[in-house]
Amino acid sequence: MPDVLESIKDRRSVRKYKTSDITDEDLNEILEAVRWSPSWANTQCWEIVVVRDPSIKKELKGCFKSKGNPARDAVEQAPVVIALCSKLKTSGYYKGEVATKFGDWFMFDTGIAAQNLCLAAYAKGLGSVIIGLFDHDMAARVLNVKEGYDLVTMIPIGYPEKRPSAPKRKEIKDFVHYDSFQPKPA
């Protein structure tokens, strides 16, 4: 199994998949990675809908506003689509009140869960892509998402047709600041 930093560096967004199915055992191990994701006060605000049914995937494909979005076809083509939902007004709350400047913290917690899911899929030789550009409300209706929850992202998972090359990354010196974001005014 690759080490964590190697996995982070090598994982890519994959949008084209082979027809090979994913075993229940592999899928459960990927879901186990979500289970152990950290979250605000251990609220574990995520809920997952696993989609394998081709007719539902076809409906989800119809939730894309842009036919040019390469992830659109991935939703129908991938053997599994993970719809990652979050319970609202839980994460980032204390005694029913917003506890942070940013309000509901569900996007942060769901992002961590999504990254864990994608890294676990990569460790299994699978590809994935985190999708954000689609009609979330329409897709939530397709999946019958319960009131009080939001569909945050869809993540197709499958064996990659090919692995894309790495995009250019900023150097550490280009985004890290020590002790202060900018020099203090004189």
C-alpha atoms as a PDB file:
ATOM      1  CA  MET A   1       0.000   0.000   0.000  1.00  0.00           C
ATOM      2  CA  PRO A   2       1.425   3.436  -0.914  1.00  0.00           C
ATOM      3  CA  ASP A   3       2.285   5.847   1.884  1.00  0.00           C
ATOM      4  CA  VAL A   4      -0.046   8.769   2.548  1.00  0.00           C
ATOM      5  CA  LEU A   5       1.991  11.556   0.917  1.00  0.00           C
ATOM      6  CA  GLU A   6       2.641   9.401  -2.154  1.00  0.00           C
ATOM      7  CA  SER A   7      -1.112   8.729  -2.435  1.00  0.00           C
ATOM      8  CA  ILE A   8      -1.924  12.417  -2.086  1.00  0.00           C
ATOM      9  CA  LYS A   9       0.591  13.287  -4.826  1.00  0.00           C
ATOM     10  CA  ASP A  10      -0.426  10.478  -7.213  1.00  0.00           C
ATOM     11  CA  ARG A  11      -4.232  10.582  -6.912  1.00  0.00           C
ATOM     12  CA  ARG A  12      -5.893  12.273  -9.890  1.00  0.00           C
ATOM     13  CA  SER A  13      -9.407  13.288 -10.864  1.00  0.00           C
ATOM     14  CA  VAL A  14     -10.556  10.510 -13.186  1.00  0.00           C
ATOM     15  CA  ARG A  15     -13.523  11.011 -15.504  1.00  0.00           C
ATOM     16  CA  LYS A  16     -13.354   7.910 -17.742  1.00  0.00           C
ATOM     17  CA  TYR A  17     -13.757   4.406 -16.384  1.00  0.00           C
ATOM     18  CA  LYS A  18     -13.489   0.796 -17.478  1.00  0.00           C
ATOM     19  CA  THR A  19     -16.629  -1.324 -17.307  1.00  0.00           C
ATOM     20  CA  SER A  20     -15.228  -3.495 -14.470  1.00  0.00           C
ATOM     21  CA  ASP A  21     -17.432  -3.476 -11.378  1.00  0.00           C
ATOM     22  CA  ILE A  22     -16.282  -2.649  -7.841  1.00  0.00           C
ATOM     23  CA  THR A  23     -16.580  -5.440  -5.292  1.00  0.00           C
ATOM     24  CA  ASP A  24     -18.727  -4.929  -2.208  1.00  0.00           C
ATOM     25  CA  GLU A  25     -15.628  -5.612  -0.108  1.00  0.00           C
ATOM     26  CA  ASP A  26     -13.663  -2.793  -1.786  1.00  0.00           C
ATOM     27  CA  LEU A  27     -16.640  -0.445  -1.584  1.00  0.00           C
ATOM     28  CA  ASN A  28     -17.071  -1.149   2.128  1.00  0.00           C
ATOM     29  CA  GLU A  29     -13.392  -0.438   2.780  1.00  0.00           C
ATOM     30  CA  ILE A  30     -13.765   2.893   0.977  1.00  0.00           C
ATOM     31  CA  LEU A  31     -16.838   3.698   3.058  1.00  0.00           C
ATOM     32  CA  GLU A  32     -14.859   2.757   6.170  1.00  0.00           C
ATOM     33  CA  ALA A  33     -12.457   5.598   5.303  1.00  0.00           C
ATOM     34  CA  VAL A  34     -15.406   7.999   5.407  1.00  0.00           C
ATOM     35  CA  ARG A  35     -16.546   6.526   8.718  1.00  0.00           C
ATOM     36  CA  TRP A  36     -13.213   7.478  10.302  1.00  0.00           C
ATOM     37  CA  SER A  37     -13.096  11.013   8.895  1.00  0.00           C
ATOM     38  CA  PRO A  38     -12.667  13.715  11.511  1.00  0.00           C
ATOM     39  CA  SER A  39     -15.574  16.113  12.012  1.00  0.00           C
ATOM     40  CA  TRP A  40     -16.633  19.032  14.179  1.00  0.00           C
ATOM     41  CA  ALA A  41     -17.204  17.701  17.719  1.00  0.00           C
ATOM     42  CA  ASN A  42     -17.479  14.243  16.131  1.00  0.00           C
ATOM     43  CA  THR A  43     -20.860  15.172  14.632  1.00  0.00           C
ATOM     44  CA  GLN A  44     -20.247  12.929  11.601  1.00  0.00           C
ATOM     45  CA  CYS A  45     -22.753  14.999   9.624  1.00  0.00           C
ATOM     46  CA  TRP A  46     -22.397  12.992   6.403  1.00  0.00           C
ATOM     47  CA  GLU A  47     -24.861  10.575   4.840  1.00  0.00           C
ATOM     48  CA  ILE A  48     -24.068   8.630   1.689  1.00  0.00           C
ATOM     49  CA  VAL A  49     -26.231   7.323  -1.124  1.00  0.00           C
ATOM     50  CA  VAL A  50     -24.423   4.607  -3.110  1.00  0.00           C
ATOM     51  CA  VAL A  51     -25.755   4.567  -6.670  1.00  0.00           C
ATOM     52  CA  ARG A  52     -25.215   1.522  -8.872  1.00  0.00           C
ATOM     53  CA  ASP A  53     -28.556   1.499 -10.731  1.00  0.00           C
ATOM     54  CA  PRO A  54     -27.946   2.581 -14.366  1.00  0.00           C
ATOM     55  CA  SER A  55     -31.356   4.280 -14.640  1.00  0.00           C
ATOM     56  CA  ILE A  56     -30.671   6.465 -11.576  1.00  0.00           C
ATOM     57  CA  LYS A  57     -27.185   7.312 -12.870  1.00  0.00           C
ATOM     58  CA  LYS A  58     -28.791   8.365 -16.167  1.00  0.00           C
ATOM     59  CA  GLU A  59     -31.188  10.651 -14.254  1.00  0.00           C
ATOM     60  CA  LEU A  60     -28.235  12.121 -12.341  1.00  0.00           C
ATOM     61  CA  LYS A  61     -26.467  12.779 -15.646  1.00  0.00           C
ATOM     62  CA  GLY A  62     -29.480  14.918 -16.571  1.00  0.00           C
ATOM     63  CA  CYS A  63     -28.755  17.172 -13.563  1.00  0.00           C
ATOM     64  CA  PHE A  64     -25.768  18.790 -15.298  1.00  0.00           C
ATOM     65  CA  LYS A  65     -26.407  22.256 -16.702  1.00  0.00           C
ATOM     66  CA  SER A  66     -23.444  22.054 -19.066  1.00  0.00           C
ATOM     67  CA  LYS A  67     -23.269  19.183 -21.524  1.00  0.00           C
ATOM     68  CA  GLY A  68     -19.556  20.047 -21.887  1.00  0.00           C
ATOM     69  CA  ASN A  69     -18.741  19.114 -18.289  1.00  0.00           C
ATOM     70  CA  PRO A  70     -16.526  15.979 -18.583  1.00  0.00           C
ATOM     71  CA  ALA A  71     -17.794  14.712 -15.223  1.00  0.00           C
ATOM     72  CA  ARG A  72     -21.316  14.486 -16.701  1.00  0.00           C
ATOM     73  CA  ASP A  73     -20.521  11.297 -18.625  1.00  0.00           C
ATOM     74  CA  ALA A  74     -18.529   9.928 -15.674  1.00  0.00           C
ATOM     75  CA  VAL A  75     -21.693   9.815 -13.556  1.00  0.00           C
ATOM     76  CA  GLU A  76     -23.312   7.459 -16.047  1.00  0.00           C
ATOM     77  CA  GLN A  77     -20.179   5.507 -16.961  1.00  0.00           C
ATOM     78  CA  ALA A  78     -18.689   4.778 -13.505  1.00  0.00           C
ATOM     79  CA  PRO A  79     -19.850   1.536 -11.876  1.00  0.00           C
ATOM     80  CA  VAL A  80     -20.554   3.401  -8.614  1.00  0.00           C
ATOM     81  CA  VAL A  81     -21.509   6.981  -7.837  1.00  0.00           C
ATOM     82  CA  ILE A  82     -21.264   8.152  -4.249  1.00  0.00           C
ATOM     83  CA  ALA A  83     -23.665  10.965  -3.427  1.00  0.00           C
ATOM     84  CA  LEU A  84     -22.266  12.662  -0.347  1.00  0.00           C
ATOM     85  CA  CYS A  85     -24.900  14.496   1.673  1.00  0.00           C
ATOM     86  CA  SER A  86     -24.647  16.459   4.912  1.00  0.00           C
ATOM     87  CA  LYS A  87     -26.994  17.061   7.795  1.00  0.00           C
ATOM     88  CA  LEU A  88     -27.513  20.790   8.208  1.00  0.00           C
ATOM     89  CA  LYS A  89     -27.316  22.767  11.465  1.00  0.00           C
ATOM     90  CA  THR A  90     -25.227  20.128  13.244  1.00  0.00           C
ATOM     91  CA  SER A  91     -21.583  20.644  12.408  1.00  0.00           C
ATOM     92  CA  GLY A  92     -20.338  24.023  13.615  1.00  0.00           C
ATOM     93  CA  TYR A  93     -23.155  24.311  16.138  1.00  0.00           C
ATOM     94  CA  TYR A  94     -23.056  24.214  19.924  1.00  0.00           C
ATOM     95  CA  LYS A  95     -26.318  23.802  21.854  1.00  0.00           C
ATOM     96  CA  GLY A  96     -28.265  24.604  18.680  1.00  0.00           C
ATOM     97  CA  GLU A  97     -26.422  27.873  18.018  1.00  0.00           C
ATOM     98  CA  VAL A  98     -23.867  28.663  15.324  1.00  0.00           C
ATOM     99  CA  ALA A  99     -20.464  28.528  16.978  1.00  0.00           C
ATOM    100  CA  THR A 100     -18.157  29.730  14.181  1.00  0.00           C
ATOM    101  CA  LYS A 101     -17.697  32.837  12.077  1.00  0.00           C
ATOM    102  CA  PHE A 102     -18.504  30.677   9.038  1.00  0.00           C
ATOM    103  CA  GLY A 103     -21.764  29.269  10.342  1.00  0.00           C
ATOM    104  CA  ASP A 104     -22.621  25.729   9.355  1.00  0.00           C
ATOM    105  CA  TRP A 105     -19.367  23.749   9.171  1.00  0.00           C
ATOM    106  CA  PHE A 106     -20.804  20.890   7.063  1.00  0.00           C
ATOM    107  CA  MET A 107     -18.867  21.783   3.896  1.00  0.00           C
ATOM    108  CA  PHE A 108     -15.575  21.491   5.763  1.00  0.00           C
ATOM    109  CA  ASP A 109     -16.465  18.127   7.309  1.00  0.00           C
ATOM    110  CA  THR A 110     -17.882  16.813   4.044  1.00  0.00           C
ATOM    111  CA  GLY A 111     -14.722  17.901   2.215  1.00  0.00           C
ATOM    112  CA  ILE A 112     -12.601  15.881   4.623  1.00  0.00           C
ATOM    113  CA  ALA A 113     -14.875  12.858   4.137  1.00  0.00           C
ATOM    114  CA  ALA A 114     -14.670  13.272   0.340  1.00  0.00           C
ATOM    115  CA  GLN A 115     -10.865  13.396   0.430  1.00  0.00           C
ATOM    116  CA  ASN A 116     -10.704  10.291   2.650  1.00  0.00           C
ATOM    117  CA  LEU A 117     -13.047   8.511   0.232  1.00  0.00           C
ATOM    118  CA  CYS A 118     -10.958   9.447  -2.822  1.00  0.00           C
ATOM    119  CA  LEU A 119      -7.665   8.447  -1.185  1.00  0.00           C
ATOM    120  CA  ALA A 120      -9.126   5.102  -0.072  1.00  0.00           C
ATOM    121  CA  ALA A 121     -10.422   4.513  -3.618  1.00  0.00           C
ATOM    122  CA  TYR A 122      -6.974   5.337  -4.997  1.00  0.00           C
ATOM    123  CA  ALA A 123      -5.366   2.847  -2.590  1.00  0.00           C
ATOM    124  CA  LYS A 124      -7.669   0.195  -4.117  1.00  0.00           C
ATOM    125  CA  GLY A 125      -6.522   1.056  -7.654  1.00  0.00           C
ATOM    126  CA  LEU A 126      -9.715   2.987  -8.363  1.00  0.00           C
ATOM    127  CA  GLY A 127     -10.212   6.448  -9.791  1.00  0.00           C
ATOM    128  CA  SER A 128     -12.611   9.121  -8.607  1.00  0.00           C
ATOM    129  CA  VAL A 129     -13.562  12.740  -9.169  1.00  0.00           C
ATOM    130  CA  ILE A 130     -15.292  15.140  -6.771  1.00  0.00           C
ATOM    131  CA  ILE A 131     -18.053  16.904  -8.706  1.00  0.00           C
ATOM    132  CA  GLY A 132     -19.527  20.243  -7.703  1.00  0.00           C
ATOM    133  CA  LEU A 133     -20.934  21.717 -10.928  1.00  0.00           C
ATOM    134  CA  PHE A 134     -24.446  20.270 -11.296  1.00  0.00           C
ATOM    135  CA  ASP A 135     -27.990  21.134 -10.226  1.00  0.00           C
ATOM    136  CA  HIS A 136     -27.772  20.034  -6.595  1.00  0.00           C
ATOM    137  CA  ASP A 137     -31.487  20.436  -5.881  1.00  0.00           C
ATOM    138  CA  MET A 138     -32.511  18.434  -8.949  1.00  0.00           C
ATOM    139  CA  ALA A 139     -30.038  15.644  -8.079  1.00  0.00           C
ATOM    140  CA  ALA A 140     -31.258  15.660  -4.464  1.00  0.00           C
ATOM    141  CA  ARG A 141     -34.795  15.091  -5.753  1.00  0.00           C
ATOM    142  CA  VAL A 142     -33.603  12.195  -7.935  1.00  0.00           C
ATOM    143  CA  LEU A 143     -31.998  10.629  -4.839  1.00  0.00           C
ATOM    144  CA  ASN A 144     -34.900  11.503  -2.533  1.00  0.00           C
ATOM    145  CA  VAL A 145     -32.581  13.304  -0.085  1.00  0.00           C
ATOM    146  CA  LYS A 146     -34.311  13.864   3.240  1.00  0.00           C
ATOM    147  CA  GLU A 147     -35.275  17.362   4.388  1.00  0.00           C
ATOM    148  CA  GLY A 148     -32.646  18.925   6.631  1.00  0.00           C
ATOM    149  CA  TYR A 149     -29.835  17.493   4.480  1.00  0.00           C
ATOM    150  CA  ASP A 150     -28.018  18.885   1.448  1.00  0.00           C
ATOM    151  CA  LEU A 151     -26.453  16.924  -1.380  1.00  0.00           C
ATOM    152  CA  VAL A 152     -22.922  18.358  -1.404  1.00  0.00           C
ATOM    153  CA  THR A 153     -21.126  16.366  -4.098  1.00  0.00           C
ATOM    154  CA  MET A 154     -21.287  13.334  -6.337  1.00  0.00           C
ATOM    155  CA  ILE A 155     -18.182  11.175  -6.656  1.00  0.00           C
ATOM    156  CA  PRO A 156     -18.035   8.607  -9.476  1.00  0.00           C
ATOM    157  CA  ILE A 157     -15.700   5.706  -8.674  1.00  0.00           C
ATOM    158  CA  GLY A 158     -14.289   3.041 -10.971  1.00  0.00           C
ATOM    159  CA  TYR A 159     -11.200   1.550 -12.530  1.00  0.00           C
ATOM    160  CA  PRO A 160      -9.615   4.321 -14.603  1.00  0.00           C
ATOM    161  CA  GLU A 161      -9.395   3.998 -18.365  1.00  0.00           C
ATOM    162  CA  LYS A 162      -6.137   5.959 -17.942  1.00  0.00           C
ATOM    163  CA  ARG A 163      -4.512   8.034 -15.232  1.00  0.00           C
ATOM    164  CA  PRO A 164      -4.167  11.708 -16.092  1.00  0.00           C
ATOM    165  CA  SER A 165      -0.805  13.367 -15.536  1.00  0.00           C
ATOM    166  CA  ALA A 166      -0.276  15.749 -12.635  1.00  0.00           C
ATOM    167  CA  PRO A 167      -1.189  19.389 -13.140  1.00  0.00           C
ATOM    168  CA  LYS A 168       1.376  22.055 -12.294  1.00  0.00           C
ATOM    169  CA  ARG A 169       1.398  22.855  -8.571  1.00  0.00           C
ATOM    170  CA  LYS A 170       2.511  25.968  -6.708  1.00  0.00           C
ATOM    171  CA  GLU A 171       5.784  25.718  -4.850  1.00  0.00           C
ATOM    172  CA  ILE A 172       5.505  25.733  -1.052  1.00  0.00           C
ATOM    173  CA  LYS A 173       7.242  29.126  -0.918  1.00  0.00           C
ATOM    174  CA  ASP A 174       4.419  30.543  -3.083  1.00  0.00           C
ATOM    175  CA  PHE A 175       1.656  29.899  -0.547  1.00  0.00           C
ATOM    176  CA  VAL A 176       3.236  29.570   2.910  1.00  0.00           C
ATOM    177  CA  HIS A 177       3.712  32.547   5.223  1.00  0.00           C
ATOM    178  CA  TYR A 178       5.500  32.368   8.561  1.00  0.00           C
ATOM    179  CA  ASP A 179       4.276  34.229  11.638  1.00  0.00           C
ATOM    180  CA  SER A 180       2.254  36.744   9.584  1.00  0.00           C
ATOM    181  CA  PHE A 181       0.411  36.671   6.252  1.00  0.00           C
ATOM    182  CA  GLN A 182       2.098  39.902   5.234  1.00  0.00           C
ATOM    183  CA  PRO A 183       4.604  42.260   6.836  1.00  0.00           C
ATOM    184  CA  LYS A 184       3.114  44.347   9.631  1.00  0.00           C
ATOM    185  CA  PRO A 185       2.577  48.025   8.720  1.00  0.00           C
ATOM    186  CA  ALA A 186       5.277  50.386   9.955  1.00  0.00           C
END
